[in-house]
Amino acid sequence: MTYFGRAFSKGFTLLELLVALAIFALIAVMAYNGLDTILTARLETEQHATQLARLQMAFTWLGRDIGQYIQRPIRDQRGDGQAALQGTISRLELTRAGWRNPAQQQRSSLQRVAYHLENKTLVRSYWWVLDRAQYARVFKMDLLDEVNGIQMRYLDENLRWHSQWSANDKLSLKAIEVTLTVLEWGRISRLFMVPGT
């Protein structure tokens, strides 16, 4: 059909436009769901990677401290003597060597550290001095969250396991096994050799 010498083409009907919009909306919903799934998976992967990195770091700290163990007893806030290493099923406290001092501060290269759970968080505590005064400050570092349990075992020179240990014991300590029960990871165990015992 021509009008003043021009040809007009037939346009889309309302029904065709509605069908096209419905198809476009369906594709958009599918694309959004796919993108949402990808973003959710990425977030979960990043959370798992962060948790795994913190888990590895916690075991690295444990391994470093146990690997630097030195037989140096201390005195606590009350002036009572404490063994160089004391361990129960849920807490480990020991004296370690090799505390780096790049700022050349007036302090020992020995350090007293402890590992325990506080509100489902694995905590590394340490003190600025070995023989503590009554109000000696304790410093705490959160190593790992969402820890439902901790269990430690102590291997003696006769290859027998103990649920608690004191460096005052007559037997030599050969290794410490640390088992953490972590949310979404389950039970994870590591065995650390104790030097010089």
C-alpha atoms as a PDB file:
ATOM      1  CA  MET A   1       0.000   0.000   0.000  1.00  0.00           C
ATOM      2  CA  THR A   2       1.319   3.406  -0.896  1.00  0.00           C
ATOM      3  CA  TYR A   3       0.486   6.790   0.470  1.00  0.00           C
ATOM      4  CA  PHE A   4       1.741   9.779  -1.466  1.00  0.00           C
ATOM      5  CA  GLY A   5       4.164   7.518  -3.266  1.00  0.00           C
ATOM      6  CA  ARG A   6       5.611   5.895  -0.091  1.00  0.00           C
ATOM      7  CA  ALA A   7       5.315   2.246   0.875  1.00  0.00           C
ATOM      8  CA  PHE A   8       4.300   1.349   4.462  1.00  0.00           C
ATOM      9  CA  SER A   9       5.331  -1.991   5.986  1.00  0.00           C
ATOM     10  CA  LYS A  10       3.205  -3.802   8.464  1.00  0.00           C
ATOM     11  CA  GLY A  11       4.341  -3.320  12.132  1.00  0.00           C
ATOM     12  CA  PHE A  12       4.194  -5.686  15.155  1.00  0.00           C
ATOM     13  CA  THR A  13       0.881  -6.446  16.676  1.00  0.00           C
ATOM     14  CA  LEU A  14       0.258  -6.059  20.383  1.00  0.00           C
ATOM     15  CA  LEU A  15       0.174  -9.838  20.798  1.00  0.00           C
ATOM     16  CA  GLU A  16       3.578 -10.232  19.115  1.00  0.00           C
ATOM     17  CA  LEU A  17       5.049  -7.545  21.387  1.00  0.00           C
ATOM     18  CA  LEU A  18       3.653  -9.252  24.505  1.00  0.00           C
ATOM     19  CA  VAL A  19       5.070 -12.618  23.419  1.00  0.00           C
ATOM     20  CA  ALA A  20       8.477 -11.002  22.723  1.00  0.00           C
ATOM     21  CA  LEU A  21       8.442  -9.280  26.128  1.00  0.00           C
ATOM     22  CA  ALA A  22       7.488 -12.540  27.850  1.00  0.00           C
ATOM     23  CA  ILE A  23      10.369 -14.381  26.150  1.00  0.00           C
ATOM     24  CA  PHE A  24      12.791 -11.552  27.052  1.00  0.00           C
ATOM     25  CA  ALA A  25      11.600 -11.610  30.687  1.00  0.00           C
ATOM     26  CA  LEU A  26      12.036 -15.389  30.841  1.00  0.00           C
ATOM     27  CA  ILE A  27      15.575 -15.150  29.473  1.00  0.00           C
ATOM     28  CA  ALA A  28      16.364 -12.328  31.920  1.00  0.00           C
ATOM     29  CA  VAL A  29      15.108 -14.393  34.887  1.00  0.00           C
ATOM     30  CA  MET A  30      17.159 -17.409  33.769  1.00  0.00           C
ATOM     31  CA  ALA A  31      20.246 -15.229  33.328  1.00  0.00           C
ATOM     32  CA  TYR A  32      19.739 -13.625  36.748  1.00  0.00           C
ATOM     33  CA  ASN A  33      19.326 -17.038  38.422  1.00  0.00           C
ATOM     34  CA  GLY A  34      22.478 -18.264  36.708  1.00  0.00           C
ATOM     35  CA  LEU A  35      24.408 -15.175  37.759  1.00  0.00           C
ATOM     36  CA  ASP A  36      23.075 -15.441  41.315  1.00  0.00           C
ATOM     37  CA  THR A  37      24.179 -19.096  41.469  1.00  0.00           C
ATOM     38  CA  ILE A  38      27.651 -18.167  40.228  1.00  0.00           C
ATOM     39  CA  LEU A  39      27.995 -15.291  42.712  1.00  0.00           C
ATOM     40  CA  THR A  40      26.776 -17.471  45.598  1.00  0.00           C
ATOM     41  CA  ALA A  41      29.220 -20.236  44.651  1.00  0.00           C
ATOM     42  CA  ARG A  42      32.028 -17.693  44.408  1.00  0.00           C
ATOM     43  CA  LEU A  43      31.207 -16.264  47.847  1.00  0.00           C
ATOM     44  CA  GLU A  44      31.143 -19.752  49.404  1.00  0.00           C
ATOM     45  CA  THR A  45      34.438 -20.612  47.711  1.00  0.00           C
ATOM     46  CA  GLU A  46      36.048 -17.440  49.050  1.00  0.00           C
ATOM     47  CA  GLN A  47      34.735 -18.166  52.545  1.00  0.00           C
ATOM     48  CA  HIS A  48      36.093 -21.729  52.398  1.00  0.00           C
ATOM     49  CA  ALA A  49      39.437 -20.477  51.104  1.00  0.00           C
ATOM     50  CA  THR A  50      39.650 -17.901  53.908  1.00  0.00           C
ATOM     51  CA  GLN A  51      38.752 -20.513  56.531  1.00  0.00           C
ATOM     52  CA  LEU A  52      41.299 -22.945  55.084  1.00  0.00           C
ATOM     53  CA  ALA A  53      44.007 -20.261  55.100  1.00  0.00           C
ATOM     54  CA  ARG A  54      43.236 -19.460  58.752  1.00  0.00           C
ATOM     55  CA  LEU A  55      43.288 -23.180  59.599  1.00  0.00           C
ATOM     56  CA  GLN A  56      46.685 -23.578  57.966  1.00  0.00           C
ATOM     57  CA  MET A  57      47.941 -20.467  59.756  1.00  0.00           C
ATOM     58  CA  ALA A  58      46.738 -21.808  63.115  1.00  0.00           C
ATOM     59  CA  PHE A  59      48.641 -25.056  62.592  1.00  0.00           C
ATOM     60  CA  THR A  60      51.664 -23.061  61.409  1.00  0.00           C
ATOM     61  CA  TRP A  61      51.664 -21.060  64.664  1.00  0.00           C
ATOM     62  CA  LEU A  62      51.302 -24.258  66.692  1.00  0.00           C
ATOM     63  CA  GLY A  63      54.106 -25.973  64.786  1.00  0.00           C
ATOM     64  CA  ARG A  64      56.397 -22.965  65.117  1.00  0.00           C
ATOM     65  CA  ASP A  65      55.845 -22.622  68.857  1.00  0.00           C
ATOM     66  CA  ILE A  66      56.163 -26.337  69.610  1.00  0.00           C
ATOM     67  CA  GLY A  67      59.199 -26.574  67.319  1.00  0.00           C
ATOM     68  CA  GLN A  68      60.893 -23.782  69.322  1.00  0.00           C
ATOM     69  CA  TYR A  69      60.081 -25.335  72.727  1.00  0.00           C
ATOM     70  CA  ILE A  70      62.779 -24.795  75.341  1.00  0.00           C
ATOM     71  CA  GLN A  71      62.962 -26.250  78.844  1.00  0.00           C
ATOM     72  CA  ARG A  72      62.737 -23.029  80.817  1.00  0.00           C
ATOM     73  CA  PRO A  73      60.260 -23.040  83.738  1.00  0.00           C
ATOM     74  CA  ILE A  74      58.531 -19.807  84.742  1.00  0.00           C
ATOM     75  CA  ARG A  75      56.891 -18.163  87.748  1.00  0.00           C
ATOM     76  CA  ASP A  76      53.237 -17.218  87.504  1.00  0.00           C
ATOM     77  CA  GLN A  77      51.475 -14.133  88.930  1.00  0.00           C
ATOM     78  CA  ARG A  78      51.425 -15.663  92.432  1.00  0.00           C
ATOM     79  CA  GLY A  79      55.138 -16.434  92.331  1.00  0.00           C
ATOM     80  CA  ASP A  80      54.552 -20.184  92.012  1.00  0.00           C
ATOM     81  CA  GLY A  81      56.859 -22.168  89.779  1.00  0.00           C
ATOM     82  CA  GLN A  82      55.340 -23.547  86.569  1.00  0.00           C
ATOM     83  CA  ALA A  83      56.819 -26.224  84.334  1.00  0.00           C
ATOM     84  CA  ALA A  84      58.331 -25.266  80.997  1.00  0.00           C
ATOM     85  CA  LEU A  85      55.496 -27.150  79.294  1.00  0.00           C
ATOM     86  CA  GLN A  86      52.061 -27.872  80.704  1.00  0.00           C
ATOM     87  CA  GLY A  87      49.353 -29.530  78.711  1.00  0.00           C
ATOM     88  CA  THR A  88      45.849 -30.768  79.284  1.00  0.00           C
ATOM     89  CA  ILE A  89      43.360 -32.200  76.840  1.00  0.00           C
ATOM     90  CA  SER A  90      42.145 -28.701  75.929  1.00  0.00           C
ATOM     91  CA  ARG A  91      45.018 -26.317  76.762  1.00  0.00           C
ATOM     92  CA  LEU A  92      48.729 -26.128  76.016  1.00  0.00           C
ATOM     93  CA  GLU A  93      51.181 -23.697  77.611  1.00  0.00           C
ATOM     94  CA  LEU A  94      54.924 -23.687  76.983  1.00  0.00           C
ATOM     95  CA  THR A  95      58.089 -21.627  76.846  1.00  0.00           C
ATOM     96  CA  ARG A  96      59.549 -21.114  73.401  1.00  0.00           C
ATOM     97  CA  ALA A  97      62.797 -19.665  72.095  1.00  0.00           C
ATOM     98  CA  GLY A  98      63.390 -17.633  68.974  1.00  0.00           C
ATOM     99  CA  TRP A  99      61.077 -14.704  69.717  1.00  0.00           C
ATOM    100  CA  ARG A 100      62.328 -12.262  67.119  1.00  0.00           C
ATOM    101  CA  ASN A 101      63.173  -8.749  68.238  1.00  0.00           C
ATOM    102  CA  PRO A 102      63.736  -6.577  65.133  1.00  0.00           C
ATOM    103  CA  ALA A 103      63.114  -3.359  67.103  1.00  0.00           C
ATOM    104  CA  GLN A 104      65.884  -4.311  69.582  1.00  0.00           C
ATOM    105  CA  GLN A 105      63.591  -3.826  72.583  1.00  0.00           C
ATOM    106  CA  GLN A 106      64.797  -4.712  76.053  1.00  0.00           C
ATOM    107  CA  ARG A 107      63.182  -8.093  76.414  1.00  0.00           C
ATOM    108  CA  SER A 108      64.080 -11.758  76.307  1.00  0.00           C
ATOM    109  CA  SER A 109      64.150 -13.835  73.138  1.00  0.00           C
ATOM    110  CA  LEU A 110      62.145 -16.423  75.115  1.00  0.00           C
ATOM    111  CA  GLN A 111      58.360 -16.238  75.162  1.00  0.00           C
ATOM    112  CA  ARG A 112      55.574 -17.931  77.104  1.00  0.00           C
ATOM    113  CA  VAL A 113      52.609 -18.937  74.912  1.00  0.00           C
ATOM    114  CA  ALA A 114      49.342 -20.780  75.441  1.00  0.00           C
ATOM    115  CA  TYR A 115      46.669 -22.257  73.173  1.00  0.00           C
ATOM    116  CA  HIS A 116      43.051 -22.739  74.193  1.00  0.00           C
ATOM    117  CA  LEU A 117      39.451 -22.166  73.069  1.00  0.00           C
ATOM    118  CA  GLU A 118      37.408 -19.096  73.937  1.00  0.00           C
ATOM    119  CA  ASN A 119      33.838 -18.893  72.621  1.00  0.00           C
ATOM    120  CA  LYS A 120      34.552 -21.343  69.771  1.00  0.00           C
ATOM    121  CA  THR A 121      37.683 -19.437  68.764  1.00  0.00           C
ATOM    122  CA  LEU A 122      41.190 -20.887  68.916  1.00  0.00           C
ATOM    123  CA  VAL A 123      43.259 -18.322  70.801  1.00  0.00           C
ATOM    124  CA  ARG A 124      47.019 -17.946  71.097  1.00  0.00           C
ATOM    125  CA  SER A 125      47.905 -16.097  74.291  1.00  0.00           C
ATOM    126  CA  TYR A 126      51.351 -14.796  75.112  1.00  0.00           C
ATOM    127  CA  TRP A 127      53.056 -12.734  77.782  1.00  0.00           C
ATOM    128  CA  TRP A 128      55.675 -10.015  77.421  1.00  0.00           C
ATOM    129  CA  VAL A 129      57.800 -11.525  80.206  1.00  0.00           C
ATOM    130  CA  LEU A 130      58.415 -15.079  81.356  1.00  0.00           C
ATOM    131  CA  ASP A 131      58.292 -14.593  85.120  1.00  0.00           C
ATOM    132  CA  ARG A 132      55.093 -12.646  85.486  1.00  0.00           C
ATOM    133  CA  ALA A 133      54.315  -9.946  88.006  1.00  0.00           C
ATOM    134  CA  GLN A 134      50.930  -9.855  89.701  1.00  0.00           C
ATOM    135  CA  TYR A 135      49.345  -7.673  87.009  1.00  0.00           C
ATOM    136  CA  ALA A 136      51.240  -8.979  84.000  1.00  0.00           C
ATOM    137  CA  ARG A 137      49.262  -8.318  80.853  1.00  0.00           C
ATOM    138  CA  VAL A 138      48.285 -11.202  78.603  1.00  0.00           C
ATOM    139  CA  PHE A 139      48.058 -10.601  74.864  1.00  0.00           C
ATOM    140  CA  LYS A 140      45.582 -12.645  72.838  1.00  0.00           C
ATOM    141  CA  MET A 141      45.464 -13.400  69.143  1.00  0.00           C
ATOM    142  CA  ASP A 142      42.431 -15.060  67.544  1.00  0.00           C
ATOM    143  CA  LEU A 143      43.688 -17.735  65.173  1.00  0.00           C
ATOM    144  CA  LEU A 144      40.592 -19.605  63.996  1.00  0.00           C
ATOM    145  CA  ASP A 145      36.832 -19.138  64.335  1.00  0.00           C
ATOM    146  CA  GLU A 146      34.050 -21.728  64.375  1.00  0.00           C
ATOM    147  CA  VAL A 147      36.073 -24.313  66.311  1.00  0.00           C
ATOM    148  CA  ASN A 148      33.680 -26.641  68.107  1.00  0.00           C
ATOM    149  CA  GLY A 149      36.352 -28.527  70.009  1.00  0.00           C
ATOM    150  CA  ILE A 150      40.040 -29.024  70.660  1.00  0.00           C
ATOM    151  CA  GLN A 151      41.786 -32.144  71.881  1.00  0.00           C
ATOM    152  CA  MET A 152      45.468 -32.605  72.648  1.00  0.00           C
ATOM    153  CA  ARG A 153      47.410 -35.780  73.331  1.00  0.00           C
ATOM    154  CA  TYR A 154      51.002 -36.161  74.444  1.00  0.00           C
ATOM    155  CA  LEU A 155      53.309 -38.976  73.290  1.00  0.00           C
ATOM    156  CA  ASP A 156      56.030 -40.071  75.709  1.00  0.00           C
ATOM    157  CA  GLU A 157      59.368 -41.738  74.984  1.00  0.00           C
ATOM    158  CA  ASN A 158      57.754 -45.179  75.410  1.00  0.00           C
ATOM    159  CA  LEU A 159      55.223 -44.309  72.665  1.00  0.00           C
ATOM    160  CA  ARG A 160      52.302 -44.113  75.089  1.00  0.00           C
ATOM    161  CA  TRP A 161      49.666 -41.397  74.783  1.00  0.00           C
ATOM    162  CA  HIS A 162      48.647 -39.155  77.689  1.00  0.00           C
ATOM    163  CA  SER A 163      45.737 -36.744  78.018  1.00  0.00           C
ATOM    164  CA  GLN A 164      47.797 -34.317  80.102  1.00  0.00           C
ATOM    165  CA  TRP A 165      51.463 -33.502  80.514  1.00  0.00           C
ATOM    166  CA  SER A 166      53.859 -31.510  82.631  1.00  0.00           C
ATOM    167  CA  ALA A 167      57.519 -30.983  81.806  1.00  0.00           C
ATOM    168  CA  ASN A 168      58.172 -31.994  85.419  1.00  0.00           C
ATOM    169  CA  ASP A 169      57.248 -35.566  84.469  1.00  0.00           C
ATOM    170  CA  LYS A 170      60.154 -38.016  84.514  1.00  0.00           C
ATOM    171  CA  LEU A 171      59.421 -39.275  80.996  1.00  0.00           C
ATOM    172  CA  SER A 172      60.464 -37.369  77.906  1.00  0.00           C
ATOM    173  CA  LEU A 173      57.819 -35.878  75.635  1.00  0.00           C
ATOM    174  CA  LYS A 174      58.285 -36.829  72.005  1.00  0.00           C
ATOM    175  CA  ALA A 175      55.252 -35.388  70.211  1.00  0.00           C
ATOM    176  CA  ILE A 176      51.998 -33.506  70.662  1.00  0.00           C
ATOM    177  CA  GLU A 177      48.891 -34.322  68.656  1.00  0.00           C
ATOM    178  CA  VAL A 178      46.406 -31.469  68.207  1.00  0.00           C
ATOM    179  CA  THR A 179      42.908 -32.241  66.914  1.00  0.00           C
ATOM    180  CA  LEU A 180      40.545 -29.408  66.013  1.00  0.00           C
ATOM    181  CA  THR A 181      36.859 -29.929  65.286  1.00  0.00           C
ATOM    182  CA  VAL A 182      36.025 -27.144  62.861  1.00  0.00           C
ATOM    183  CA  LEU A 183      32.624 -26.270  61.482  1.00  0.00           C
ATOM    184  CA  GLU A 184      32.249 -27.508  57.872  1.00  0.00           C
ATOM    185  CA  TRP A 185      35.668 -29.222  58.009  1.00  0.00           C
ATOM    186  CA  GLY A 186      35.144 -31.800  60.742  1.00  0.00           C
ATOM    187  CA  ARG A 187      38.025 -33.236  62.786  1.00  0.00           C
ATOM    188  CA  ILE A 188      41.512 -32.304  61.630  1.00  0.00           C
ATOM    189  CA  SER A 189      44.603 -33.632  63.398  1.00  0.00           C
ATOM    190  CA  ARG A 190      48.253 -32.664  63.225  1.00  0.00           C
ATOM    191  CA  LEU A 191      51.239 -34.257  64.966  1.00  0.00           C
ATOM    192  CA  PHE A 192      54.080 -31.987  66.088  1.00  0.00           C
ATOM    193  CA  MET A 193      57.475 -33.284  67.171  1.00  0.00           C
ATOM    194  CA  VAL A 194      58.881 -31.813  70.389  1.00  0.00           C
ATOM    195  CA  PRO A 195      62.590 -30.943  70.100  1.00  0.00           C
ATOM    196  CA  GLY A 196      65.271 -31.627  72.650  1.00  0.00           C
ATOM    197  CA  THR A 197      63.324 -33.885  75.004  1.00  0.00           C
END
